[in-house]
Amino acid sequence: MGKILFLILIPFYGISQEIENVRSELAIDSGKAFYKFHYDIVAGRGNIPVYVQLKIKTSVNEFYAKSVRGDIGEMIYPGEARTFVWDYETDLVHFSGDIDYTIEAVPMITIHSKKVRRGKEVEISVREFLAAQGKYDVVLFRRGAPVRALMDTLQVDTIKFLLPKK
């Protein structure tokens, strides 16, 4: 059986999740130092999972942390008290100095259309990770009733729907 993605189709300018209440602390476990991050993901409309990344900026360069584990990466759902750890010594070998960081959240599903209207096309992007999990269904709803569905798809990137006029 395939996975089902339900999207509520209402006029809005996008689905956004925001990272809030970010806190970090330096911790040591078994003689190994790491940073522990705490944050909340506040959902805009819907409960769309996100791809969470830790962006590191140093005086030399900018990169995404790779040595991370916990509530980070693909398919992180909105909610409070999310936590992950970063093994900074692995990612910052031979570096000394100050760093800045940002926790970024990119929706797993994005509606690109500025306005959703009957008889018009809607563009939806699905992250490759989500599509790689197997076939899935995309069902668009308006006021609780399904208006369009794409069943058992393996499509990646952009899916285009023409919405019915009635």
Protein backbone atom coordinates (compact mmCIF):
# COMPACT_ATOMS: atom_id res chain seq x y z
CA MET A 1 0.00 0.00 0.00
CA GLY A 2 1.33 3.45 -0.90
CA LYS A 3 1.84 6.41 1.35
CA ILE A 4 -0.73 9.20 1.24
CA LEU A 5 0.08 12.90 1.30
CA PHE A 6 -2.95 15.00 2.17
CA LEU A 7 -2.81 18.66 1.28
CA ILE A 8 -5.49 21.07 2.34
CA LEU A 9 -6.14 23.28 -0.66
CA ILE A 10 -7.08 26.76 0.48
CA PRO A 11 -6.08 30.16 -0.83
CA PHE A 12 -2.77 31.07 0.79
CA TYR A 13 0.73 32.06 -0.25
CA GLY A 14 2.50 28.95 0.89
CA ILE A 15 3.06 26.58 3.75
CA SER A 16 5.74 27.62 6.15
CA GLN A 17 7.22 26.22 9.29
CA GLU A 18 9.40 28.34 11.49
CA ILE A 19 12.17 27.40 13.87
CA GLU A 20 11.76 29.09 17.26
CA ASN A 21 13.15 28.95 20.81
CA VAL A 22 16.62 27.84 19.68
CA ARG A 23 19.02 27.05 22.49
CA SER A 24 22.43 25.40 22.40
CA GLU A 25 24.75 24.07 25.04
CA LEU A 26 28.22 22.59 25.09
CA ALA A 27 28.13 19.10 26.58
CA ILE A 28 30.67 16.38 27.32
CA ASP A 29 29.98 12.65 27.33
CA SER A 30 32.74 10.04 27.91
CA GLY A 31 35.39 12.72 27.38
CA LYS A 32 33.92 13.76 23.99
CA ALA A 33 32.65 17.32 23.56
CA PHE A 34 29.63 18.16 21.39
CA TYR A 35 26.94 20.81 21.04
CA LYS A 36 23.38 19.97 21.94
CA PHE A 37 20.63 22.01 20.24
CA HIS A 38 17.03 22.43 21.36
CA TYR A 39 14.34 24.03 19.19
CA ASP A 40 10.64 24.11 18.29
CA ILE A 41 9.11 23.85 14.83
CA VAL A 42 5.98 25.98 14.65
CA ALA A 43 3.64 24.91 11.84
CA GLY A 44 2.00 27.44 9.59
CA ARG A 45 -0.98 25.80 7.91
CA GLY A 46 -0.97 22.05 8.02
CA ASN A 47 1.35 19.59 9.66
CA ILE A 48 3.89 19.31 6.84
CA PRO A 49 7.19 17.63 7.77
CA VAL A 50 10.41 19.52 7.06
CA TYR A 51 14.05 18.89 6.19
CA VAL A 52 16.08 20.37 9.08
CA GLN A 53 19.72 21.39 8.58
CA LEU A 54 22.34 23.04 10.75
CA LYS A 55 24.14 25.74 8.76
CA ILE A 56 27.56 26.70 10.11
CA LYS A 57 29.35 29.94 9.24
CA THR A 58 33.01 30.48 10.14
CA SER A 59 35.44 33.24 9.22
CA VAL A 60 36.70 30.94 6.45
CA ASN A 61 33.59 29.34 4.94
CA GLU A 62 29.96 28.31 5.26
CA PHE A 63 28.67 24.70 5.25
CA TYR A 64 25.98 22.35 6.52
CA ALA A 65 26.98 20.19 9.48
CA LYS A 66 27.30 16.51 8.63
CA SER A 67 28.13 14.97 12.02
CA VAL A 68 24.66 15.35 13.52
CA ARG A 69 22.08 13.01 15.02
CA GLY A 70 18.64 13.38 16.54
CA ASP A 71 15.74 15.57 15.33
CA ILE A 72 17.56 16.72 12.20
CA GLY A 73 17.44 15.71 8.56
CA GLU A 74 14.43 14.54 6.54
CA MET A 75 10.84 14.12 7.76
CA ILE A 76 10.92 16.13 11.00
CA TYR A 77 7.35 17.07 12.00
CA PRO A 78 6.35 20.35 13.67
CA GLY A 79 6.34 20.30 17.45
CA GLU A 80 8.10 21.44 20.59
CA ALA A 81 11.25 20.24 22.32
CA ARG A 82 13.14 18.98 19.27
CA THR A 83 16.76 18.07 20.05
CA PHE A 84 19.88 17.09 18.12
CA VAL A 85 23.59 16.91 18.79
CA TRP A 86 26.47 18.07 16.63
CA ASP A 87 29.93 16.51 16.85
CA TYR A 88 31.68 19.76 15.97
CA GLU A 89 35.18 18.34 16.39
CA THR A 90 34.58 16.04 13.38
CA ASP A 91 33.23 18.84 11.14
CA LEU A 92 35.70 21.52 12.30
CA VAL A 93 39.02 19.66 12.22
CA HIS A 94 41.98 22.06 12.79
CA PHE A 95 39.69 25.09 13.15
CA SER A 96 39.87 27.63 15.92
CA GLY A 97 37.76 30.75 16.07
CA ASP A 98 34.19 31.85 16.31
CA ILE A 99 31.26 30.26 14.54
CA ASP A 100 27.69 31.31 13.86
CA TYR A 101 24.92 28.84 13.22
CA THR A 102 21.41 28.77 11.83
CA ILE A 103 18.89 25.95 12.01
CA GLU A 104 16.99 25.85 8.71
CA ALA A 105 13.71 24.09 7.91
CA VAL A 106 12.65 23.36 4.32
CA PRO A 107 9.15 21.87 3.80
CA MET A 108 9.06 18.35 2.36
CA ILE A 109 6.13 19.51 0.23
CA THR A 110 5.90 23.04 -1.21
CA ILE A 111 3.00 24.65 -3.07
CA HIS A 112 4.50 27.14 -5.56
CA SER A 113 1.33 28.77 -6.85
CA LYS A 114 0.80 32.28 -5.47
CA LYS A 115 -2.97 31.94 -5.66
CA VAL A 116 -4.92 28.72 -5.84
CA ARG A 117 -7.93 29.12 -8.15
CA ARG A 118 -10.42 26.88 -9.89
CA GLY A 119 -9.50 26.07 -13.47
CA LYS A 120 -5.84 27.03 -12.86
CA GLU A 121 -2.74 24.92 -12.52
CA VAL A 122 -1.15 24.27 -9.12
CA GLU A 123 2.52 23.32 -8.80
CA ILE A 124 3.64 21.18 -5.88
CA SER A 125 7.25 20.18 -5.18
CA VAL A 126 8.01 16.96 -3.33
CA ARG A 127 11.51 16.42 -1.91
CA GLU A 128 13.35 13.46 -3.44
CA PHE A 129 13.66 11.72 -0.04
CA LEU A 130 9.88 11.55 0.35
CA ALA A 131 9.35 10.17 -3.14
CA ALA A 132 12.14 7.61 -2.68
CA GLN A 133 10.18 5.94 0.13
CA GLY A 134 7.91 4.28 -2.46
CA LYS A 135 4.70 5.07 -4.23
CA TYR A 136 2.52 7.70 -2.63
CA ASP A 137 -0.80 9.43 -3.22
CA VAL A 138 -1.32 13.19 -3.35
CA VAL A 139 -4.85 14.30 -2.54
CA LEU A 140 -5.89 17.97 -2.67
CA PHE A 141 -8.79 19.07 -0.48
CA ARG A 142 -10.94 22.19 -0.43
CA ARG A 143 -13.30 22.73 2.49
CA GLY A 144 -12.96 19.10 3.52
CA ALA A 145 -13.80 17.58 0.12
CA PRO A 146 -11.23 16.05 -2.25
CA VAL A 147 -10.92 18.04 -5.48
CA ARG A 148 -8.06 16.23 -7.21
CA ALA A 149 -5.86 13.19 -6.60
CA LEU A 150 -2.73 11.67 -8.05
CA MET A 151 -2.57 8.02 -7.02
CA ASP A 152 0.39 5.62 -6.72
CA THR A 153 2.96 8.05 -8.07
CA LEU A 154 6.73 7.97 -7.89
CA GLN A 155 7.07 11.52 -9.22
CA VAL A 156 9.88 13.64 -7.87
CA ASP A 157 10.40 17.36 -8.07
CA THR A 158 7.38 19.24 -9.43
CA ILE A 159 3.88 17.83 -9.78
CA LYS A 160 1.38 19.96 -11.72
CA PHE A 161 -2.37 19.74 -11.13
CA LEU A 162 -5.11 21.40 -13.14
CA LEU A 163 -7.87 22.17 -10.65
CA PRO A 164 -11.46 21.51 -11.74
CA LYS A 165 -13.60 24.60 -12.42
CA LYS A 166 -16.41 23.38 -10.16
